[in-house]
Amino acid sequence: MDLGLSISYTPTHPGNFSLPDPMAMIRPLGLILLCSLGLVSCVGSAPPRRPLMSPLSEARTFGYSERTVARDEIEVTYLGRARFVSLIRNDRRRDTAIARKQAEELALWRGAQVALARKAKAFQVLNRRSNVDVEIRDHHYGYGFPPPYRHRNYRYRRHGFFGGHAYYPYGPSLQAAYAQAKATLTIALLARMRKGALNAKAVDARLRQKYAKPGP
């Protein structure tokens, strides 16, 4: 949970190896303790997690959108949540396949919702497109105490899929892989069932049971 908390300090110059003031080391520890207590007190007031079936315009980083292509034809797009995936290639293929399937099913569910809202008993998928963007990033971590050299605090800012800036001249680093799936379906809205069509009520009931709760 992002508490908007920023802790900063002024480190000693690299050429100056004098021991730090003991009080200067105690003060950050006290601040960390206060922050920990504040974190515990804020756990109960955390905002609820948005459900997977949320409009992209509201959730911003995931969700559905649609547009009308013709009188009885729509295009539904679902952008999945960014998620951690394995750094191992074979395992990552499995993880991205799961992400792709989820995006396709949520786009299908939205298509069923639109069909029911427009009094269509059935719908047919005319075309489908899906892709998964994978990004492997190096995360750099600094040390948890004031070091005897010039040091910039780690800063991470999320923007869109993944964005931000990090700079560490010293400290360990860790690789992590992320994936975000996107699926787009072109759907024909039908007044009655026909070969190859899907029952709107049945699809809505099945996928509502699977995805109605806030997901991972």
C-alpha atoms as a PDB file:
ATOM      1  CA  MET A   1       0.000   0.000   0.000  1.00  0.00           C
ATOM      2  CA  ASP A   2       1.414   3.348  -1.040  1.00  0.00           C
ATOM      3  CA  LEU A   3       1.252   5.752   1.900  1.00  0.00           C
ATOM      4  CA  GLY A   4       2.931   8.607   0.019  1.00  0.00           C
ATOM      5  CA  LEU A   5       5.783   8.469   2.551  1.00  0.00           C
ATOM      6  CA  SER A   6       9.193   9.860   1.697  1.00  0.00           C
ATOM      7  CA  ILE A   7      12.229   9.446   3.957  1.00  0.00           C
ATOM      8  CA  SER A   8      15.380  11.316   3.032  1.00  0.00           C
ATOM      9  CA  TYR A   9      18.686  12.135   4.614  1.00  0.00           C
ATOM     10  CA  THR A  10      21.882  13.964   3.739  1.00  0.00           C
ATOM     11  CA  PRO A  11      24.786  11.475   3.489  1.00  0.00           C
ATOM     12  CA  THR A  12      28.442  12.109   4.141  1.00  0.00           C
ATOM     13  CA  HIS A  13      30.677  13.017   1.189  1.00  0.00           C
ATOM     14  CA  PRO A  14      32.607  10.032  -0.270  1.00  0.00           C
ATOM     15  CA  GLY A  15      35.937  11.497   0.773  1.00  0.00           C
ATOM     16  CA  ASN A  16      34.912  12.022   4.398  1.00  0.00           C
ATOM     17  CA  PHE A  17      35.002   8.774   6.378  1.00  0.00           C
ATOM     18  CA  SER A  18      34.378  10.312   9.822  1.00  0.00           C
ATOM     19  CA  LEU A  19      31.961   8.417  12.049  1.00  0.00           C
ATOM     20  CA  PRO A  20      28.381   9.740  11.952  1.00  0.00           C
ATOM     21  CA  ASP A  21      26.818  11.543  14.898  1.00  0.00           C
ATOM     22  CA  PRO A  22      25.077   8.898  17.116  1.00  0.00           C
ATOM     23  CA  MET A  23      21.940  11.062  17.334  1.00  0.00           C
ATOM     24  CA  ALA A  24      21.877  11.259  13.554  1.00  0.00           C
ATOM     25  CA  MET A  25      21.570   7.468  13.487  1.00  0.00           C
ATOM     26  CA  ILE A  26      18.958   7.291  16.264  1.00  0.00           C
ATOM     27  CA  ARG A  27      16.620   9.827  14.652  1.00  0.00           C
ATOM     28  CA  PRO A  28      16.038   7.754  11.456  1.00  0.00           C
ATOM     29  CA  LEU A  29      15.323   4.683  13.594  1.00  0.00           C
ATOM     30  CA  GLY A  30      12.691   6.599  15.521  1.00  0.00           C
ATOM     31  CA  LEU A  31      11.161   7.814  12.274  1.00  0.00           C
ATOM     32  CA  ILE A  32      11.032   4.265  10.914  1.00  0.00           C
ATOM     33  CA  LEU A  33       9.279   3.113  14.105  1.00  0.00           C
ATOM     34  CA  LEU A  34       6.682   5.880  13.794  1.00  0.00           C
ATOM     35  CA  CYS A  35       6.124   5.000  10.155  1.00  0.00           C
ATOM     36  CA  SER A  36       5.629   1.342  11.076  1.00  0.00           C
ATOM     37  CA  LEU A  37       3.021   2.274  13.671  1.00  0.00           C
ATOM     38  CA  GLY A  38       1.312   4.505  11.138  1.00  0.00           C
ATOM     39  CA  LEU A  39       1.263   1.652   8.639  1.00  0.00           C
ATOM     40  CA  VAL A  40      -0.466  -0.640  11.130  1.00  0.00           C
ATOM     41  CA  SER A  41      -3.073   1.993  11.914  1.00  0.00           C
ATOM     42  CA  CYS A  42      -3.794   2.541   8.231  1.00  0.00           C
ATOM     43  CA  VAL A  43      -4.368  -1.102   7.349  1.00  0.00           C
ATOM     44  CA  GLY A  44      -8.026  -0.968   8.344  1.00  0.00           C
ATOM     45  CA  SER A  45      -8.683   2.152   6.254  1.00  0.00           C
ATOM     46  CA  ALA A  46      -7.188   0.868   2.979  1.00  0.00           C
ATOM     47  CA  PRO A  47      -9.384   1.637  -0.062  1.00  0.00           C
ATOM     48  CA  PRO A  48     -11.192  -1.387  -1.532  1.00  0.00           C
ATOM     49  CA  ARG A  49      -9.542  -3.096  -4.487  1.00  0.00           C
ATOM     50  CA  ARG A  50     -11.337  -2.423  -7.756  1.00  0.00           C
ATOM     51  CA  PRO A  51     -12.980  -5.436  -9.393  1.00  0.00           C
ATOM     52  CA  LEU A  52     -11.462  -6.784 -12.593  1.00  0.00           C
ATOM     53  CA  MET A  53     -14.563  -5.779 -14.539  1.00  0.00           C
ATOM     54  CA  SER A  54     -14.024  -2.039 -14.222  1.00  0.00           C
ATOM     55  CA  PRO A  55     -14.082   0.650 -16.920  1.00  0.00           C
ATOM     56  CA  LEU A  56     -10.601   1.512 -18.162  1.00  0.00           C
ATOM     57  CA  SER A  57     -11.504   5.193 -17.878  1.00  0.00           C
ATOM     58  CA  GLU A  58     -11.908   4.768 -14.110  1.00  0.00           C
ATOM     59  CA  ALA A  59      -9.352   2.092 -13.195  1.00  0.00           C
ATOM     60  CA  ARG A  60      -6.814   3.667 -15.631  1.00  0.00           C
ATOM     61  CA  THR A  61      -4.251   0.845 -15.510  1.00  0.00           C
ATOM     62  CA  PHE A  62      -6.652  -1.993 -16.377  1.00  0.00           C
ATOM     63  CA  GLY A  63     -10.253  -2.523 -17.414  1.00  0.00           C
ATOM     64  CA  TYR A  64     -12.626  -2.630 -20.384  1.00  0.00           C
ATOM     65  CA  SER A  65     -13.609  -0.222 -23.108  1.00  0.00           C
ATOM     66  CA  GLU A  66     -15.889  -0.597 -26.101  1.00  0.00           C
ATOM     67  CA  ARG A  67     -16.925   1.208 -29.245  1.00  0.00           C
ATOM     68  CA  THR A  68     -19.720   0.760 -31.752  1.00  0.00           C
ATOM     69  CA  VAL A  69     -18.512  -0.445 -35.152  1.00  0.00           C
ATOM     70  CA  ALA A  70     -21.913  -0.782 -36.848  1.00  0.00           C
ATOM     71  CA  ARG A  71     -25.570  -0.869 -35.845  1.00  0.00           C
ATOM     72  CA  ASP A  72     -25.369  -4.378 -34.341  1.00  0.00           C
ATOM     73  CA  GLU A  73     -21.624  -4.719 -34.091  1.00  0.00           C
ATOM     74  CA  ILE A  74     -19.262  -3.618 -31.330  1.00  0.00           C
ATOM     75  CA  GLU A  75     -15.571  -3.856 -30.514  1.00  0.00           C
ATOM     76  CA  VAL A  76     -14.674  -4.680 -26.919  1.00  0.00           C
ATOM     77  CA  THR A  77     -11.151  -4.296 -25.535  1.00  0.00           C
ATOM     78  CA  TYR A  78      -9.909  -5.472 -22.168  1.00  0.00           C
ATOM     79  CA  LEU A  79      -6.541  -4.447 -20.734  1.00  0.00           C
ATOM     80  CA  GLY A  80      -5.437  -6.765 -17.946  1.00  0.00           C
ATOM     81  CA  ARG A  81      -3.690  -5.859 -14.731  1.00  0.00           C
ATOM     82  CA  ALA A  82       0.094  -5.847 -14.874  1.00  0.00           C
ATOM     83  CA  ARG A  83       1.383  -8.864 -12.991  1.00  0.00           C
ATOM     84  CA  PHE A  84       4.628 -10.521 -11.953  1.00  0.00           C
ATOM     85  CA  VAL A  85       5.691 -13.411 -14.206  1.00  0.00           C
ATOM     86  CA  SER A  86       8.571 -15.856 -14.045  1.00  0.00           C
ATOM     87  CA  LEU A  87      12.048 -14.957 -15.260  1.00  0.00           C
ATOM     88  CA  ILE A  88      12.397 -18.550 -16.528  1.00  0.00           C
ATOM     89  CA  ARG A  89      11.332 -18.643 -20.181  1.00  0.00           C
ATOM     90  CA  ASN A  90       9.176 -21.805 -20.101  1.00  0.00           C
ATOM     91  CA  ASP A  91       7.435 -20.764 -16.889  1.00  0.00           C
ATOM     92  CA  ARG A  92       6.939 -17.258 -18.280  1.00  0.00           C
ATOM     93  CA  ARG A  93       5.124 -18.720 -21.294  1.00  0.00           C
ATOM     94  CA  ARG A  94       2.714 -20.429 -18.911  1.00  0.00           C
ATOM     95  CA  ASP A  95       2.217 -17.197 -16.935  1.00  0.00           C
ATOM     96  CA  THR A  96       1.606 -15.096 -20.054  1.00  0.00           C
ATOM     97  CA  ALA A  97      -0.848 -17.706 -21.384  1.00  0.00           C
ATOM     98  CA  ILE A  98      -2.841 -17.368 -18.152  1.00  0.00           C
ATOM     99  CA  ALA A  99      -2.817 -13.570 -18.460  1.00  0.00           C
ATOM    100  CA  ARG A 100      -3.932 -13.748 -22.116  1.00  0.00           C
ATOM    101  CA  LYS A 101      -6.796 -16.145 -21.338  1.00  0.00           C
ATOM    102  CA  GLN A 102      -8.023 -13.926 -18.526  1.00  0.00           C
ATOM    103  CA  ALA A 103      -8.031 -10.827 -20.751  1.00  0.00           C
ATOM    104  CA  GLU A 104      -9.923 -12.691 -23.482  1.00  0.00           C
ATOM    105  CA  GLU A 105     -12.524 -14.022 -21.035  1.00  0.00           C
ATOM    106  CA  LEU A 106     -13.081 -10.601 -19.471  1.00  0.00           C
ATOM    107  CA  ALA A 107     -13.497  -9.053 -22.925  1.00  0.00           C
ATOM    108  CA  LEU A 108     -16.010 -11.814 -23.693  1.00  0.00           C
ATOM    109  CA  TRP A 109     -17.850 -11.131 -20.446  1.00  0.00           C
ATOM    110  CA  ARG A 110     -18.084  -7.441 -21.289  1.00  0.00           C
ATOM    111  CA  GLY A 111     -19.441  -8.398 -24.712  1.00  0.00           C
ATOM    112  CA  ALA A 112     -22.168 -10.451 -23.013  1.00  0.00           C
ATOM    113  CA  GLN A 113     -23.004  -7.519 -20.730  1.00  0.00           C
ATOM    114  CA  VAL A 114     -23.351  -5.144 -23.677  1.00  0.00           C
ATOM    115  CA  ALA A 115     -25.478  -7.689 -25.544  1.00  0.00           C
ATOM    116  CA  LEU A 116     -27.885  -8.012 -22.609  1.00  0.00           C
ATOM    117  CA  ALA A 117     -28.022  -4.237 -22.142  1.00  0.00           C
ATOM    118  CA  ARG A 118     -29.033  -3.880 -25.806  1.00  0.00           C
ATOM    119  CA  LYS A 119     -31.689  -6.641 -25.524  1.00  0.00           C
ATOM    120  CA  ALA A 120     -29.695  -9.090 -27.665  1.00  0.00           C
ATOM    121  CA  LYS A 121     -30.207 -12.719 -26.678  1.00  0.00           C
ATOM    122  CA  ALA A 122     -27.017 -13.924 -28.331  1.00  0.00           C
ATOM    123  CA  PHE A 123     -23.771 -12.661 -29.776  1.00  0.00           C
ATOM    124  CA  GLN A 124     -21.031 -13.981 -32.026  1.00  0.00           C
ATOM    125  CA  VAL A 125     -17.315 -13.245 -31.958  1.00  0.00           C
ATOM    126  CA  LEU A 126     -16.359 -12.211 -35.497  1.00  0.00           C
ATOM    127  CA  ASN A 127     -12.716 -11.448 -34.825  1.00  0.00           C
ATOM    128  CA  ARG A 128     -10.321 -11.618 -31.881  1.00  0.00           C
ATOM    129  CA  ARG A 129      -6.870 -10.183 -31.272  1.00  0.00           C
ATOM    130  CA  SER A 130      -4.734 -10.517 -28.185  1.00  0.00           C
ATOM    131  CA  ASN A 131      -1.169  -9.862 -27.115  1.00  0.00           C
ATOM    132  CA  VAL A 132       0.908  -9.847 -23.942  1.00  0.00           C
ATOM    133  CA  ASP A 133       3.569  -7.219 -23.302  1.00  0.00           C
ATOM    134  CA  VAL A 134       6.445  -8.491 -21.166  1.00  0.00           C
ATOM    135  CA  GLU A 135       8.988  -6.221 -19.514  1.00  0.00           C
ATOM    136  CA  ILE A 136      12.053  -7.341 -17.586  1.00  0.00           C
ATOM    137  CA  ARG A 137      13.404  -4.672 -15.272  1.00  0.00           C
ATOM    138  CA  ASP A 138      16.369  -4.242 -12.969  1.00  0.00           C
ATOM    139  CA  HIS A 139      15.304  -2.945  -9.565  1.00  0.00           C
ATOM    140  CA  HIS A 140      18.086  -1.330  -7.552  1.00  0.00           C
ATOM    141  CA  TYR A 141      17.952  -1.216  -3.788  1.00  0.00           C
ATOM    142  CA  GLY A 142      20.041   0.926  -1.466  1.00  0.00           C
ATOM    143  CA  TYR A 143      21.185   0.218   2.053  1.00  0.00           C
ATOM    144  CA  GLY A 144      18.992   0.697   5.110  1.00  0.00           C
ATOM    145  CA  PHE A 145      21.421   2.965   6.977  1.00  0.00           C
ATOM    146  CA  PRO A 146      23.220   6.213   6.176  1.00  0.00           C
ATOM    147  CA  PRO A 147      26.274   5.098   4.162  1.00  0.00           C
ATOM    148  CA  PRO A 148      29.583   6.987   4.151  1.00  0.00           C
ATOM    149  CA  TYR A 149      29.221   8.035   0.518  1.00  0.00           C
ATOM    150  CA  ARG A 150      26.987  10.117  -1.705  1.00  0.00           C
ATOM    151  CA  HIS A 151      23.714   8.332  -2.218  1.00  0.00           C
ATOM    152  CA  ARG A 152      20.382   9.096  -3.890  1.00  0.00           C
ATOM    153  CA  ASN A 153      17.199   7.594  -2.554  1.00  0.00           C
ATOM    154  CA  TYR A 154      15.370   5.085  -4.755  1.00  0.00           C
ATOM    155  CA  ARG A 155      12.399   6.660  -6.501  1.00  0.00           C
ATOM    156  CA  TYR A 156       9.740   4.755  -8.389  1.00  0.00           C
ATOM    157  CA  ARG A 157       6.777   6.347 -10.141  1.00  0.00           C
ATOM    158  CA  ARG A 158       4.114   4.286 -11.859  1.00  0.00           C
ATOM    159  CA  HIS A 159       2.794   5.732 -15.087  1.00  0.00           C
ATOM    160  CA  GLY A 160       0.716   3.713 -17.535  1.00  0.00           C
ATOM    161  CA  PHE A 161       2.144   0.208 -17.781  1.00  0.00           C
ATOM    162  CA  PHE A 162       5.461   0.715 -16.003  1.00  0.00           C
ATOM    163  CA  GLY A 163       7.406   3.910 -15.728  1.00  0.00           C
ATOM    164  CA  GLY A 164       9.702   5.655 -13.359  1.00  0.00           C
ATOM    165  CA  HIS A 165      13.294   6.457 -12.647  1.00  0.00           C
ATOM    166  CA  ALA A 166      15.863   4.850 -10.412  1.00  0.00           C
ATOM    167  CA  TYR A 167      19.523   5.663  -9.878  1.00  0.00           C
ATOM    168  CA  TYR A 168      21.888   3.907  -7.516  1.00  0.00           C
ATOM    169  CA  PRO A 169      25.634   4.218  -7.767  1.00  0.00           C
ATOM    170  CA  TYR A 170      25.888   1.576  -5.040  1.00  0.00           C
ATOM    171  CA  GLY A 171      23.726  -1.205  -3.649  1.00  0.00           C
ATOM    172  CA  PRO A 172      22.339  -4.580  -4.786  1.00  0.00           C
ATOM    173  CA  SER A 173      19.909  -5.048  -7.660  1.00  0.00           C
ATOM    174  CA  LEU A 174      17.170  -7.545  -8.463  1.00  0.00           C
ATOM    175  CA  GLN A 175      15.590  -8.517 -11.778  1.00  0.00           C
ATOM    176  CA  ALA A 176      11.837  -8.879 -12.082  1.00  0.00           C
ATOM    177  CA  ALA A 177       9.546  -9.667 -15.023  1.00  0.00           C
ATOM    178  CA  TYR A 178       6.098  -8.152 -15.556  1.00  0.00           C
ATOM    179  CA  ALA A 179       3.370  -8.913 -18.075  1.00  0.00           C
ATOM    180  CA  GLN A 180       0.216  -7.134 -19.172  1.00  0.00           C
ATOM    181  CA  ALA A 181      -2.300  -8.745 -21.532  1.00  0.00           C
ATOM    182  CA  LYS A 182      -4.702  -7.027 -23.913  1.00  0.00           C
ATOM    183  CA  ALA A 183      -7.580  -8.616 -25.828  1.00  0.00           C
ATOM    184  CA  THR A 184      -9.877  -7.096 -28.436  1.00  0.00           C
ATOM    185  CA  LEU A 185     -13.039  -8.795 -29.713  1.00  0.00           C
ATOM    186  CA  THR A 186     -15.286  -7.750 -32.575  1.00  0.00           C
ATOM    187  CA  ILE A 187     -18.782  -8.896 -31.668  1.00  0.00           C
ATOM    188  CA  ALA A 188     -22.061  -9.138 -33.599  1.00  0.00           C
ATOM    189  CA  LEU A 189     -25.202  -8.677 -31.479  1.00  0.00           C
ATOM    190  CA  LEU A 190     -27.976 -11.116 -32.422  1.00  0.00           C
ATOM    191  CA  ALA A 191     -31.702 -11.156 -31.716  1.00  0.00           C
ATOM    192  CA  ARG A 192     -31.746 -14.989 -31.698  1.00  0.00           C
ATOM    193  CA  MET A 193     -29.343 -17.901 -31.511  1.00  0.00           C
ATOM    194  CA  ARG A 194     -27.622 -19.189 -34.617  1.00  0.00           C
ATOM    195  CA  LYS A 195     -24.767 -21.527 -35.444  1.00  0.00           C
ATOM    196  CA  GLY A 196     -21.529 -20.320 -33.832  1.00  0.00           C
ATOM    197  CA  ALA A 197     -23.305 -17.829 -31.559  1.00  0.00           C
ATOM    198  CA  LEU A 198     -23.083 -17.645 -27.770  1.00  0.00           C
ATOM    199  CA  ASN A 199     -25.971 -17.303 -25.355  1.00  0.00           C
ATOM    200  CA  ALA A 200     -25.507 -13.905 -23.687  1.00  0.00           C
ATOM    201  CA  LYS A 201     -27.152 -14.883 -20.381  1.00  0.00           C
ATOM    202  CA  ALA A 202     -25.166 -18.111 -20.095  1.00  0.00           C
ATOM    203  CA  VAL A 203     -21.832 -16.399 -20.783  1.00  0.00           C
ATOM    204  CA  ASP A 204     -22.636 -13.602 -18.349  1.00  0.00           C
ATOM    205  CA  ALA A 205     -23.587 -16.055 -15.569  1.00  0.00           C
ATOM    206  CA  ARG A 206     -20.514 -18.277 -16.088  1.00  0.00           C
ATOM    207  CA  LEU A 207     -17.945 -15.480 -16.157  1.00  0.00           C
ATOM    208  CA  ARG A 208     -19.652 -13.473 -13.429  1.00  0.00           C
ATOM    209  CA  GLN A 209     -19.249 -16.449 -11.103  1.00  0.00           C
ATOM    210  CA  LYS A 210     -15.563 -16.704 -12.026  1.00  0.00           C
ATOM    211  CA  TYR A 211     -14.516 -13.036 -12.016  1.00  0.00           C
ATOM    212  CA  ALA A 212     -17.070 -11.048  -9.994  1.00  0.00           C
ATOM    213  CA  LYS A 213     -14.749 -10.646  -6.987  1.00  0.00           C
ATOM    214  CA  PRO A 214     -11.638  -8.417  -7.073  1.00  0.00           C
ATOM    215  CA  GLY A 215      -8.943 -10.488  -8.746  1.00  0.00           C
ATOM    216  CA  PRO A 216      -5.162 -10.730  -8.660  1.00  0.00           C
END
